[in-house]
Amino acid sequence: MFNKLAIAVALALATGSASAAAMLTVDDGTNSMSIVDQQAGDVNPIEGVLTMVWTAPNTLWTSTVSIGTTYPADGSAAMPYLDLAAVVTSPGAGSLTITFSQDGFLPTIATFNSNVGGTLNENSSALFTALAGAQSISSIGPFSSGAFSGSDTSMFATGASPYPISLTAIITHGAGGTSSFDYEVQAQVPEPGTLALLGLGLTGLGLSRRRRAG
């Protein structure tokens, strides 16, 4: 199993990946802003670290500072790591969606570990989710007012094509104030025993399909 994974990664490296620069988006339902790594709106010069300072016109969100971190600053195309952190302020009720995404991750079999923590304003809530391609790899929350923390773990296996990962935070304020959070998703190579069980499961699925076809 390890040899097959190594060969798949080596082939992907040899042929190149359809990588795209990381993107950070903030949307309050009326106004939105997106920035791409090292392009206009990104105030952080480090590749793989995006920082957006956003104050939208005619919105309840008066101050938003969002930071997204991924490879090459941390992690790699073969071992994904994404971190989304933000401090948001509003004088009244409203909902804000912050999304951080990166494309071009290489085929892998991995365990994704997710962790989040922060502080929510009075009468507020937060929900954190992550997708690898079209597959959910994290869902933590919703949380309510005050200090919060949570974690999630999921297995993920992808085929030959490079895939994207996106982290999304939805912050809903019921009153004016400030909230903050740090949401981290990181891939780790699973233990040999886990890989063996996954291999047996896939083999069993293949045999079942053959019997039905017969």
N, C-alpha and C. Protein backbone atom coordinates (compact mmCIF):
# COMPACT_ATOMS: atom_id res chain seq x y z
N MET A 1 0.82 -1.21 0.00
CA MET A 1 0.00 0.00 0.00
C MET A 1 0.86 1.26 0.00
N PHE A 2 1.90 1.26 0.86
CA PHE A 2 2.80 2.41 0.90
C PHE A 2 3.51 2.59 -0.43
N ASN A 3 3.94 1.47 -1.08
CA ASN A 3 4.63 1.57 -2.37
C ASN A 3 3.71 2.18 -3.42
N LYS A 4 2.44 1.77 -3.44
CA LYS A 4 1.50 2.32 -4.42
C LYS A 4 1.30 3.81 -4.19
N LEU A 5 1.22 4.22 -2.90
CA LEU A 5 1.04 5.63 -2.59
C LEU A 5 2.26 6.42 -3.03
N ALA A 6 3.45 5.89 -2.78
CA ALA A 6 4.68 6.58 -3.17
C ALA A 6 4.77 6.73 -4.68
N ILE A 7 4.38 5.69 -5.41
CA ILE A 7 4.42 5.74 -6.87
C ILE A 7 3.44 6.79 -7.39
N ALA A 8 2.23 6.84 -6.79
CA ALA A 8 1.23 7.81 -7.24
C ALA A 8 1.71 9.23 -7.02
N VAL A 9 2.32 9.48 -5.86
CA VAL A 9 2.83 10.82 -5.57
C VAL A 9 3.97 11.17 -6.51
N ALA A 10 4.88 10.20 -6.76
CA ALA A 10 6.01 10.46 -7.65
C ALA A 10 5.55 10.78 -9.06
N LEU A 11 4.54 10.05 -9.54
CA LEU A 11 4.01 10.32 -10.88
C LEU A 11 3.38 11.71 -10.96
N ALA A 12 2.68 12.07 -9.90
CA ALA A 12 2.05 13.39 -9.89
C ALA A 12 3.09 14.48 -9.90
N LEU A 13 4.16 14.28 -9.14
CA LEU A 13 5.25 15.27 -9.12
C LEU A 13 5.93 15.35 -10.48
N ALA A 14 6.09 14.20 -11.13
CA ALA A 14 6.79 14.18 -12.41
C ALA A 14 5.99 14.88 -13.50
N THR A 15 4.67 14.70 -13.47
CA THR A 15 3.83 15.28 -14.51
C THR A 15 3.36 16.68 -14.17
N GLY A 16 3.56 17.08 -12.89
CA GLY A 16 3.12 18.41 -12.48
C GLY A 16 1.68 18.38 -12.04
N SER A 17 1.30 19.35 -11.21
CA SER A 17 -0.07 19.41 -10.71
C SER A 17 -0.71 20.70 -11.16
N ALA A 18 -2.04 20.64 -11.26
CA ALA A 18 -2.78 21.82 -11.70
C ALA A 18 -3.00 22.74 -10.50
N SER A 19 -1.91 23.17 -9.89
CA SER A 19 -2.00 23.97 -8.69
C SER A 19 -2.49 25.37 -9.00
N ALA A 20 -3.20 25.95 -8.07
CA ALA A 20 -3.67 27.32 -8.19
C ALA A 20 -3.35 28.03 -6.89
N ALA A 21 -3.16 29.34 -6.99
CA ALA A 21 -2.83 30.11 -5.80
C ALA A 21 -3.98 30.06 -4.81
N ALA A 22 -3.63 30.14 -3.53
CA ALA A 22 -4.64 30.13 -2.47
C ALA A 22 -5.52 31.37 -2.57
N MET A 23 -6.78 31.22 -2.13
CA MET A 23 -7.75 32.32 -2.20
C MET A 23 -8.47 32.46 -0.88
N LEU A 24 -8.74 33.70 -0.50
CA LEU A 24 -9.45 34.03 0.74
C LEU A 24 -10.64 34.91 0.37
N THR A 25 -11.85 34.53 0.84
CA THR A 25 -13.07 35.26 0.50
C THR A 25 -13.86 35.59 1.76
N VAL A 26 -14.37 36.82 1.82
CA VAL A 26 -15.25 37.25 2.91
C VAL A 26 -16.56 37.74 2.29
N ASP A 27 -17.69 37.27 2.84
CA ASP A 27 -19.00 37.59 2.26
C ASP A 27 -20.01 37.81 3.39
N ASP A 28 -20.69 38.97 3.38
CA ASP A 28 -21.70 39.24 4.40
C ASP A 28 -23.12 39.13 3.86
N GLY A 29 -23.27 38.58 2.65
CA GLY A 29 -24.57 38.45 2.04
C GLY A 29 -24.94 39.60 1.14
N THR A 30 -24.30 40.73 1.36
CA THR A 30 -24.52 41.91 0.51
C THR A 30 -23.24 42.33 -0.20
N ASN A 31 -22.15 42.31 0.54
CA ASN A 31 -20.84 42.66 0.01
C ASN A 31 -19.91 41.47 0.13
N SER A 32 -18.98 41.35 -0.80
CA SER A 32 -18.00 40.28 -0.73
C SER A 32 -16.67 40.78 -1.29
N MET A 33 -15.60 40.12 -0.86
CA MET A 33 -14.27 40.44 -1.35
C MET A 33 -13.45 39.17 -1.39
N SER A 34 -12.71 38.96 -2.47
CA SER A 34 -11.83 37.81 -2.61
C SER A 34 -10.43 38.29 -2.95
N ILE A 35 -9.44 37.68 -2.34
CA ILE A 35 -8.05 37.98 -2.68
C ILE A 35 -7.32 36.68 -3.00
N VAL A 36 -6.32 36.79 -3.86
CA VAL A 36 -5.48 35.66 -4.24
C VAL A 36 -4.08 35.89 -3.70
N ASP A 37 -3.43 34.82 -3.30
CA ASP A 37 -2.10 34.91 -2.69
C ASP A 37 -1.15 35.76 -3.53
N GLN A 38 -0.54 36.76 -2.89
CA GLN A 38 0.46 37.64 -3.47
C GLN A 38 -0.09 38.53 -4.60
N GLN A 39 -1.40 38.73 -4.61
CA GLN A 39 -1.99 39.65 -5.56
C GLN A 39 -2.69 40.79 -4.81
N ALA A 40 -3.35 41.67 -5.55
CA ALA A 40 -3.97 42.85 -4.96
C ALA A 40 -4.89 42.49 -3.80
N GLY A 41 -4.76 43.19 -2.69
CA GLY A 41 -5.58 42.95 -1.51
C GLY A 41 -4.91 42.08 -0.47
N ASP A 42 -3.88 41.33 -0.86
CA ASP A 42 -3.13 40.50 0.08
C ASP A 42 -2.02 41.34 0.67
N VAL A 43 -2.13 41.69 1.97
CA VAL A 43 -1.16 42.59 2.59
C VAL A 43 0.01 41.84 3.22
N ASN A 44 0.06 40.52 3.04
CA ASN A 44 1.17 39.73 3.56
C ASN A 44 2.06 39.29 2.39
N PRO A 45 3.34 39.64 2.39
CA PRO A 45 4.21 39.32 1.25
C PRO A 45 4.69 37.87 1.21
N ILE A 46 4.43 37.10 2.25
CA ILE A 46 4.92 35.72 2.31
C ILE A 46 4.05 34.82 1.45
N GLU A 47 4.66 34.04 0.57
CA GLU A 47 3.91 33.11 -0.26
C GLU A 47 3.29 32.01 0.60
N GLY A 48 2.01 31.78 0.41
CA GLY A 48 1.32 30.78 1.21
C GLY A 48 0.65 31.35 2.45
N VAL A 49 0.78 32.66 2.68
CA VAL A 49 0.11 33.33 3.80
C VAL A 49 -0.67 34.52 3.26
N LEU A 50 -1.99 34.49 3.38
CA LEU A 50 -2.85 35.58 2.90
C LEU A 50 -3.40 36.34 4.08
N THR A 51 -3.36 37.67 4.01
CA THR A 51 -3.94 38.50 5.05
C THR A 51 -4.83 39.55 4.40
N MET A 52 -6.08 39.58 4.80
CA MET A 52 -7.06 40.53 4.26
C MET A 52 -7.59 41.41 5.39
N VAL A 53 -7.57 42.71 5.18
CA VAL A 53 -8.21 43.66 6.08
C VAL A 53 -9.39 44.24 5.33
N TRP A 54 -10.61 44.01 5.84
CA TRP A 54 -11.82 44.31 5.06
C TRP A 54 -12.84 45.07 5.89
N THR A 55 -13.27 46.19 5.36
CA THR A 55 -14.39 46.93 5.90
C THR A 55 -15.33 47.24 4.74
N ALA A 56 -16.49 46.60 4.73
CA ALA A 56 -17.39 46.74 3.59
C ALA A 56 -18.29 47.96 3.75
N PRO A 57 -18.60 48.65 2.66
CA PRO A 57 -19.53 49.77 2.72
C PRO A 57 -20.95 49.28 2.97
N ASN A 58 -21.71 50.07 3.72
CA ASN A 58 -23.13 49.76 3.97
C ASN A 58 -23.32 48.36 4.54
N THR A 59 -22.49 48.01 5.48
CA THR A 59 -22.57 46.69 6.11
C THR A 59 -22.45 46.81 7.61
N LEU A 60 -22.91 45.81 8.31
CA LEU A 60 -22.79 45.81 9.76
C LEU A 60 -21.40 45.36 10.23
N TRP A 61 -20.60 44.84 9.29
CA TRP A 61 -19.27 44.36 9.67
C TRP A 61 -18.27 45.51 9.47
N THR A 62 -17.87 46.13 10.57
CA THR A 62 -17.04 47.33 10.49
C THR A 62 -15.55 47.02 10.42
N SER A 63 -15.16 45.83 10.82
CA SER A 63 -13.74 45.49 10.79
C SER A 63 -13.57 43.98 10.72
N THR A 64 -12.80 43.53 9.75
CA THR A 64 -12.53 42.10 9.61
C THR A 64 -11.07 41.91 9.21
N VAL A 65 -10.34 41.16 10.00
CA VAL A 65 -8.97 40.80 9.65
C VAL A 65 -8.92 39.28 9.55
N SER A 66 -8.65 38.76 8.35
CA SER A 66 -8.63 37.32 8.12
C SER A 66 -7.26 36.89 7.63
N ILE A 67 -6.78 35.76 8.13
CA ILE A 67 -5.47 35.24 7.74
C ILE A 67 -5.60 33.78 7.36
N GLY A 68 -5.12 33.41 6.18
CA GLY A 68 -5.10 32.02 5.73
C GLY A 68 -3.67 31.57 5.48
N THR A 69 -3.33 30.37 5.93
CA THR A 69 -1.98 29.84 5.78
C THR A 69 -2.03 28.45 5.16
N THR A 70 -1.20 28.21 4.14
CA THR A 70 -1.10 26.91 3.49
C THR A 70 0.28 26.77 2.88
N TYR A 71 0.49 25.77 2.01
CA TYR A 71 1.81 25.60 1.43
C TYR A 71 2.08 26.69 0.41
N PRO A 72 3.31 27.14 0.17
CA PRO A 72 4.56 26.58 0.70
C PRO A 72 4.96 27.10 2.09
N ALA A 73 4.15 27.98 2.70
CA ALA A 73 4.51 28.48 4.03
C ALA A 73 4.43 27.38 5.08
N ASP A 74 3.45 26.48 4.94
CA ASP A 74 3.30 25.38 5.90
C ASP A 74 2.62 24.22 5.17
N GLY A 75 3.01 23.00 5.49
CA GLY A 75 2.49 21.84 4.80
C GLY A 75 3.09 21.73 3.40
N SER A 76 2.50 20.89 2.58
CA SER A 76 2.99 20.69 1.21
C SER A 76 1.84 20.20 0.35
N ALA A 77 2.08 20.08 -0.96
CA ALA A 77 1.05 19.57 -1.85
C ALA A 77 0.71 18.11 -1.53
N ALA A 78 1.69 17.36 -1.01
CA ALA A 78 1.46 15.95 -0.67
C ALA A 78 0.86 15.78 0.72
N MET A 79 1.17 16.68 1.65
CA MET A 79 0.64 16.63 3.01
C MET A 79 -0.04 17.96 3.32
N PRO A 80 -1.33 18.09 3.01
CA PRO A 80 -2.03 19.37 3.12
C PRO A 80 -2.08 19.91 4.55
N TYR A 81 -1.98 21.23 4.62
CA TYR A 81 -2.19 21.97 5.87
C TYR A 81 -2.84 23.30 5.51
N LEU A 82 -3.97 23.61 6.12
CA LEU A 82 -4.61 24.90 5.95
C LEU A 82 -5.04 25.42 7.31
N ASP A 83 -4.84 26.72 7.52
CA ASP A 83 -5.23 27.34 8.77
C ASP A 83 -5.94 28.66 8.44
N LEU A 84 -7.12 28.86 9.02
CA LEU A 84 -7.90 30.07 8.80
C LEU A 84 -8.17 30.71 10.16
N ALA A 85 -7.76 31.97 10.31
CA ALA A 85 -7.98 32.71 11.55
C ALA A 85 -8.55 34.07 11.22
N ALA A 86 -9.37 34.59 12.12
CA ALA A 86 -9.98 35.89 11.87
C ALA A 86 -10.43 36.55 13.16
N VAL A 87 -10.49 37.89 13.11
CA VAL A 87 -11.10 38.71 14.15
C VAL A 87 -12.12 39.58 13.44
N VAL A 88 -13.39 39.50 13.86
CA VAL A 88 -14.46 40.23 13.17
C VAL A 88 -15.24 41.07 14.18
N THR A 89 -15.65 42.26 13.74
CA THR A 89 -16.37 43.20 14.61
C THR A 89 -17.59 43.75 13.89
N SER A 90 -18.71 43.86 14.61
CA SER A 90 -19.92 44.45 14.04
C SER A 90 -20.62 45.27 15.12
N PRO A 91 -21.32 46.34 14.74
CA PRO A 91 -22.10 47.12 15.70
C PRO A 91 -23.51 46.57 15.91
N GLY A 92 -23.87 45.52 15.17
CA GLY A 92 -25.21 44.96 15.29
C GLY A 92 -25.25 43.53 14.79
N ALA A 93 -26.46 42.99 14.59
CA ALA A 93 -26.64 41.60 14.17
C ALA A 93 -26.30 41.42 12.70
N GLY A 94 -25.80 40.25 12.35
CA GLY A 94 -25.47 39.94 10.97
C GLY A 94 -24.69 38.64 10.88
N SER A 95 -24.53 38.12 9.66
CA SER A 95 -23.82 36.87 9.43
C SER A 95 -22.69 37.10 8.43
N LEU A 96 -21.56 36.48 8.69
CA LEU A 96 -20.38 36.63 7.84
C LEU A 96 -19.83 35.25 7.51
N THR A 97 -19.52 35.02 6.21
CA THR A 97 -18.92 33.76 5.78
C THR A 97 -17.51 34.02 5.28
N ILE A 98 -16.55 33.29 5.83
CA ILE A 98 -15.15 33.43 5.44
C ILE A 98 -14.69 32.08 4.90
N THR A 99 -14.14 32.07 3.68
CA THR A 99 -13.70 30.84 3.04
C THR A 99 -12.24 30.96 2.62
N PHE A 100 -11.46 29.92 2.92
CA PHE A 100 -10.06 29.86 2.53
C PHE A 100 -9.84 28.58 1.75
N SER A 101 -9.29 28.68 0.53
CA SER A 101 -9.16 27.50 -0.32
C SER A 101 -7.81 27.46 -1.03
N GLN A 102 -7.40 26.26 -1.37
CA GLN A 102 -6.17 26.02 -2.13
C GLN A 102 -6.39 24.80 -3.01
N ASP A 103 -5.88 24.85 -4.25
CA ASP A 103 -6.03 23.75 -5.19
C ASP A 103 -4.67 23.09 -5.42
N GLY A 104 -4.69 21.94 -6.13
CA GLY A 104 -3.45 21.31 -6.55
C GLY A 104 -2.84 20.34 -5.56
N PHE A 105 -3.62 19.86 -4.57
CA PHE A 105 -3.07 18.87 -3.64
C PHE A 105 -2.96 17.52 -4.34
N LEU A 106 -1.90 16.79 -4.03
CA LEU A 106 -1.60 15.55 -4.74
C LEU A 106 -2.40 14.37 -4.21
N PRO A 107 -2.60 13.34 -5.04
CA PRO A 107 -3.32 12.14 -4.60
C PRO A 107 -2.73 11.60 -3.31
N THR A 108 -3.61 11.23 -2.38
CA THR A 108 -3.12 10.79 -1.08
C THR A 108 -4.15 9.92 -0.37
N ILE A 109 -3.66 9.16 0.59
CA ILE A 109 -4.50 8.49 1.58
C ILE A 109 -4.05 9.04 2.92
N ALA A 110 -4.94 9.72 3.61
CA ALA A 110 -4.51 10.42 4.82
C ALA A 110 -5.64 10.54 5.82
N THR A 111 -5.26 10.82 7.06
CA THR A 111 -6.19 11.18 8.11
C THR A 111 -6.15 12.69 8.26
N PHE A 112 -7.30 13.34 8.16
CA PHE A 112 -7.36 14.78 8.36
C PHE A 112 -7.79 15.07 9.79
N ASN A 113 -6.94 15.80 10.51
CA ASN A 113 -7.25 16.23 11.86
C ASN A 113 -7.60 17.71 11.84
N SER A 114 -8.74 18.06 12.43
CA SER A 114 -9.21 19.44 12.43
C SER A 114 -9.37 19.93 13.87
N ASN A 115 -8.97 21.17 14.11
CA ASN A 115 -9.10 21.78 15.43
C ASN A 115 -9.53 23.23 15.27
N VAL A 116 -10.38 23.68 16.17
CA VAL A 116 -10.81 25.07 16.14
C VAL A 116 -10.99 25.58 17.56
N GLY A 117 -10.74 26.85 17.75
CA GLY A 117 -10.94 27.48 19.05
C GLY A 117 -11.13 28.97 18.86
N GLY A 118 -11.75 29.62 19.85
CA GLY A 118 -11.93 31.06 19.76
C GLY A 118 -12.90 31.57 20.79
N THR A 119 -13.39 32.78 20.55
CA THR A 119 -14.33 33.43 21.45
C THR A 119 -15.44 34.08 20.63
N LEU A 120 -16.68 33.84 21.02
CA LEU A 120 -17.82 34.40 20.30
C LEU A 120 -18.49 35.50 21.10
N ASN A 121 -18.93 36.51 20.40
CA ASN A 121 -19.66 37.62 20.97
C ASN A 121 -20.98 37.16 21.60
N GLU A 122 -21.57 38.00 22.42
CA GLU A 122 -22.85 37.70 23.06
C GLU A 122 -23.93 37.44 22.00
N ASN A 123 -24.78 36.44 22.27
CA ASN A 123 -25.87 36.07 21.36
C ASN A 123 -25.37 35.76 19.95
N SER A 124 -24.27 35.04 19.86
CA SER A 124 -23.67 34.74 18.56
C SER A 124 -23.43 33.25 18.41
N SER A 125 -23.12 32.83 17.18
CA SER A 125 -22.85 31.41 16.91
C SER A 125 -21.81 31.29 15.80
N ALA A 126 -21.25 30.09 15.67
CA ALA A 126 -20.23 29.84 14.63
C ALA A 126 -20.27 28.38 14.22
N LEU A 127 -20.03 28.14 12.93
CA LEU A 127 -19.97 26.79 12.38
C LEU A 127 -18.76 26.71 11.44
N PHE A 128 -18.01 25.59 11.53
CA PHE A 128 -16.78 25.44 10.76
C PHE A 128 -16.83 24.13 9.97
N THR A 129 -16.57 24.21 8.67
CA THR A 129 -16.61 23.03 7.81
C THR A 129 -15.43 23.06 6.84
N ALA A 130 -15.07 21.88 6.33
CA ALA A 130 -13.99 21.79 5.34
C ALA A 130 -14.31 20.69 4.34
N LEU A 131 -13.94 20.94 3.08
CA LEU A 131 -14.12 19.98 1.99
C LEU A 131 -12.79 19.68 1.33
N ALA A 132 -12.57 18.41 0.99
CA ALA A 132 -11.46 18.00 0.13
C ALA A 132 -12.10 17.49 -1.15
N GLY A 133 -11.95 18.25 -2.24
CA GLY A 133 -12.74 17.95 -3.42
C GLY A 133 -14.20 18.16 -3.07
N ALA A 134 -15.02 17.13 -3.28
CA ALA A 134 -16.44 17.22 -2.91
C ALA A 134 -16.74 16.50 -1.60
N GLN A 135 -15.71 15.96 -0.95
CA GLN A 135 -15.90 15.16 0.27
C GLN A 135 -15.71 16.00 1.52
N SER A 136 -16.64 15.87 2.46
CA SER A 136 -16.51 16.55 3.75
C SER A 136 -15.40 15.91 4.57
N ILE A 137 -14.47 16.72 5.05
CA ILE A 137 -13.40 16.20 5.90
C ILE A 137 -13.45 16.82 7.29
N SER A 138 -14.36 17.77 7.51
CA SER A 138 -14.47 18.40 8.82
C SER A 138 -15.79 19.11 8.95
N SER A 139 -16.42 18.96 10.12
CA SER A 139 -17.61 19.72 10.47
C SER A 139 -17.62 19.86 11.99
N ILE A 140 -17.41 21.09 12.47
CA ILE A 140 -17.30 21.33 13.90
C ILE A 140 -18.23 22.48 14.28
N GLY A 141 -19.07 22.23 15.28
CA GLY A 141 -20.02 23.23 15.71
C GLY A 141 -21.44 22.79 15.38
N PRO A 142 -22.41 23.68 15.52
CA PRO A 142 -22.25 25.10 15.85
C PRO A 142 -21.92 25.34 17.32
N PHE A 143 -21.22 26.45 17.55
CA PHE A 143 -20.88 26.90 18.89
C PHE A 143 -21.71 28.14 19.22
N SER A 144 -21.88 28.39 20.52
CA SER A 144 -22.61 29.58 20.96
C SER A 144 -21.67 30.53 21.70
N SER A 145 -22.21 31.58 22.25
CA SER A 145 -21.44 32.67 22.83
C SER A 145 -20.41 32.21 23.86
N GLY A 146 -19.31 32.96 23.94
CA GLY A 146 -18.26 32.68 24.90
C GLY A 146 -17.10 31.93 24.26
N ALA A 147 -16.18 31.45 25.10
CA ALA A 147 -15.03 30.69 24.61
C ALA A 147 -15.48 29.32 24.12
N PHE A 148 -14.86 28.84 23.04
CA PHE A 148 -15.24 27.55 22.48
C PHE A 148 -14.01 26.85 21.91
N SER A 149 -14.14 25.53 21.75
CA SER A 149 -13.10 24.73 21.09
C SER A 149 -13.73 23.42 20.65
N GLY A 150 -13.13 22.82 19.61
CA GLY A 150 -13.63 21.54 19.12
C GLY A 150 -12.64 20.90 18.17
N SER A 151 -12.86 19.62 17.85
CA SER A 151 -11.97 18.90 16.95
C SER A 151 -12.75 17.86 16.17
N ASP A 152 -12.13 17.38 15.11
CA ASP A 152 -12.77 16.38 14.24
C ASP A 152 -11.68 15.60 13.53
N THR A 153 -11.94 14.34 13.19
CA THR A 153 -10.98 13.49 12.47
C THR A 153 -11.72 12.69 11.41
N SER A 154 -11.13 12.61 10.21
CA SER A 154 -11.76 11.82 9.15
C SER A 154 -10.71 11.24 8.23
N MET A 155 -11.03 10.08 7.64
CA MET A 155 -10.16 9.45 6.64
C MET A 155 -10.50 9.98 5.26
N PHE A 156 -9.46 10.09 4.41
CA PHE A 156 -9.68 10.60 3.07
C PHE A 156 -8.75 9.87 2.11
N ALA A 157 -9.29 9.43 0.98
CA ALA A 157 -8.49 8.81 -0.07
C ALA A 157 -8.93 9.38 -1.40
N THR A 158 -7.96 9.81 -2.22
CA THR A 158 -8.29 10.42 -3.50
C THR A 158 -7.59 9.70 -4.63
N GLY A 159 -8.10 9.87 -5.84
CA GLY A 159 -7.55 9.22 -7.01
C GLY A 159 -6.37 9.96 -7.60
N ALA A 160 -6.24 9.92 -8.93
CA ALA A 160 -5.04 10.42 -9.58
C ALA A 160 -5.03 11.92 -9.78
N SER A 161 -6.18 12.58 -9.74
CA SER A 161 -6.23 13.99 -10.07
C SER A 161 -5.92 14.87 -8.86
N PRO A 162 -5.20 15.98 -9.07
CA PRO A 162 -5.04 16.96 -7.98
C PRO A 162 -6.41 17.47 -7.54
N TYR A 163 -6.54 17.80 -6.27
CA TYR A 163 -7.84 18.20 -5.72
C TYR A 163 -7.69 19.45 -4.86
N PRO A 164 -8.79 20.19 -4.67
CA PRO A 164 -8.77 21.38 -3.82
C PRO A 164 -9.23 21.07 -2.41
N ILE A 165 -8.84 21.92 -1.47
CA ILE A 165 -9.36 21.88 -0.10
C ILE A 165 -9.86 23.28 0.23
N SER A 166 -11.03 23.35 0.86
CA SER A 166 -11.57 24.64 1.28
C SER A 166 -12.06 24.58 2.72
N LEU A 167 -11.75 25.62 3.49
CA LEU A 167 -12.22 25.78 4.86
C LEU A 167 -13.22 26.91 4.88
N THR A 168 -14.35 26.72 5.59
CA THR A 168 -15.38 27.75 5.67
C THR A 168 -15.78 27.97 7.12
N ALA A 169 -15.85 29.24 7.50
CA ALA A 169 -16.32 29.64 8.82
C ALA A 169 -17.53 30.55 8.63
N ILE A 170 -18.63 30.25 9.32
CA ILE A 170 -19.82 31.09 9.29
C ILE A 170 -20.02 31.67 10.69
N ILE A 171 -19.86 32.98 10.82
CA ILE A 171 -20.00 33.67 12.10
C ILE A 171 -21.28 34.48 12.07
N THR A 172 -22.15 34.26 13.05
CA THR A 172 -23.42 34.98 13.13
C THR A 172 -23.48 35.74 14.44
N HIS A 173 -23.55 37.06 14.34
CA HIS A 173 -23.68 37.92 15.52
C HIS A 173 -25.14 38.24 15.76
N GLY A 174 -25.59 38.07 17.01
CA GLY A 174 -26.93 38.47 17.39
C GLY A 174 -26.97 39.88 17.95
N ALA A 175 -25.77 40.44 18.18
CA ALA A 175 -25.66 41.80 18.71
C ALA A 175 -24.28 42.32 18.36
N GLY A 176 -24.08 43.62 18.55
CA GLY A 176 -22.79 44.21 18.24
C GLY A 176 -21.68 43.68 19.15
N GLY A 177 -20.47 43.57 18.60
CA GLY A 177 -19.34 43.09 19.38
C GLY A 177 -18.27 42.47 18.48
N THR A 178 -17.36 41.73 19.10
CA THR A 178 -16.22 41.14 18.40
C THR A 178 -16.13 39.65 18.66
N SER A 179 -15.82 38.88 17.62
CA SER A 179 -15.57 37.44 17.74
C SER A 179 -14.23 37.12 17.08
N SER A 180 -13.63 36.01 17.48
CA SER A 180 -12.37 35.59 16.88
C SER A 180 -12.29 34.07 16.88
N PHE A 181 -11.48 33.52 15.95
CA PHE A 181 -11.33 32.07 15.88
C PHE A 181 -10.03 31.71 15.16
N ASP A 182 -9.62 30.45 15.33
CA ASP A 182 -8.50 29.86 14.59
C ASP A 182 -8.90 28.44 14.25
N TYR A 183 -9.00 28.16 12.95
CA TYR A 183 -9.49 26.86 12.45
C TYR A 183 -8.38 26.22 11.62
N GLU A 184 -7.94 25.02 12.05
CA GLU A 184 -6.79 24.34 11.44
C GLU A 184 -7.19 22.95 10.94
N VAL A 185 -6.79 22.62 9.71
CA VAL A 185 -7.02 21.29 9.14
C VAL A 185 -5.69 20.78 8.61
N GLN A 186 -5.27 19.59 9.07
CA GLN A 186 -3.96 19.05 8.71
C GLN A 186 -4.05 17.57 8.39
N ALA A 187 -3.35 17.15 7.32
CA ALA A 187 -3.33 15.74 6.93
C ALA A 187 -2.14 15.03 7.57
N GLN A 188 -2.37 13.80 7.97
CA GLN A 188 -1.31 12.94 8.49
C GLN A 188 -1.45 11.57 7.84
N VAL A 189 -0.31 10.93 7.54
CA VAL A 189 -0.35 9.58 6.98
C VAL A 189 -0.89 8.63 8.04
N PRO A 190 -1.93 7.86 7.73
CA PRO A 190 -2.52 6.96 8.72
C PRO A 190 -1.56 5.83 9.10
N GLU A 191 -1.83 5.23 10.25
CA GLU A 191 -1.03 4.10 10.72
C GLU A 191 -1.19 2.91 9.77
N PRO A 192 -0.16 2.04 9.69
CA PRO A 192 -0.24 0.87 8.79
C PRO A 192 -1.49 0.02 9.01
N GLY A 193 -1.91 -0.13 10.27
CA GLY A 193 -3.09 -0.92 10.55
C GLY A 193 -4.34 -0.32 9.93
N THR A 194 -4.43 1.01 9.97
CA THR A 194 -5.57 1.69 9.37
C THR A 194 -5.58 1.51 7.86
N LEU A 195 -4.40 1.61 7.25
CA LEU A 195 -4.28 1.39 5.81
C LEU A 195 -4.68 -0.03 5.43
N ALA A 196 -4.29 -0.98 6.26
CA ALA A 196 -4.64 -2.38 5.98
C ALA A 196 -6.14 -2.58 6.02
N LEU A 197 -6.81 -1.99 7.02
CA LEU A 197 -8.26 -2.10 7.12
C LEU A 197 -8.94 -1.43 5.93
N LEU A 198 -8.41 -0.28 5.52
CA LEU A 198 -8.96 0.40 4.36
C LEU A 198 -8.81 -0.46 3.11
N GLY A 199 -7.64 -1.10 2.96
CA GLY A 199 -7.40 -1.96 1.81
C GLY A 199 -8.34 -3.15 1.79
N LEU A 200 -8.58 -3.75 2.97
CA LEU A 200 -9.51 -4.87 3.06
C LEU A 200 -10.93 -4.43 2.69
N GLY A 201 -11.30 -3.23 3.15
CA GLY A 201 -12.63 -2.72 2.85
C GLY A 201 -12.81 -2.50 1.36
N LEU A 202 -11.82 -1.93 0.71
CA LEU A 202 -11.89 -1.70 -0.72
C LEU A 202 -11.93 -3.02 -1.49
N THR A 203 -11.14 -4.01 -1.01
CA THR A 203 -11.14 -5.33 -1.66
C THR A 203 -12.50 -5.99 -1.55
N GLY A 204 -13.10 -5.91 -0.35
CA GLY A 204 -14.42 -6.48 -0.15
C GLY A 204 -15.47 -5.83 -1.03
N LEU A 205 -15.36 -4.50 -1.19
CA LEU A 205 -16.30 -3.78 -2.05
C LEU A 205 -16.16 -4.24 -3.49
N GLY A 206 -14.91 -4.46 -3.93
CA GLY A 206 -14.68 -4.92 -5.30
C GLY A 206 -15.25 -6.31 -5.53
N LEU A 207 -15.06 -7.20 -4.56
CA LEU A 207 -15.60 -8.56 -4.69
C LEU A 207 -17.12 -8.55 -4.73
N SER A 208 -17.72 -7.67 -3.90
CA SER A 208 -19.18 -7.58 -3.88
C SER A 208 -19.72 -7.13 -5.22
N ARG A 209 -19.04 -6.15 -5.83
CA ARG A 209 -19.50 -5.65 -7.13
C ARG A 209 -19.37 -6.71 -8.21
N ARG A 210 -18.29 -7.51 -8.13
CA ARG A 210 -18.10 -8.59 -9.12
C ARG A 210 -19.18 -9.63 -9.01
N ARG A 211 -19.58 -9.97 -7.78
CA ARG A 211 -20.64 -10.98 -7.59
C ARG A 211 -21.97 -10.49 -8.16
N ARG A 212 -22.25 -9.19 -7.94
CA ARG A 212 -23.50 -8.65 -8.45
C ARG A 212 -23.48 -8.63 -9.97
N ALA A 213 -22.30 -8.31 -10.54
CA ALA A 213 -22.19 -8.27 -12.00
C ALA A 213 -22.36 -9.66 -12.60
N GLY A 214 -21.89 -10.67 -11.85
CA GLY A 214 -22.01 -12.02 -12.34
C GLY A 214 -23.44 -12.51 -12.25
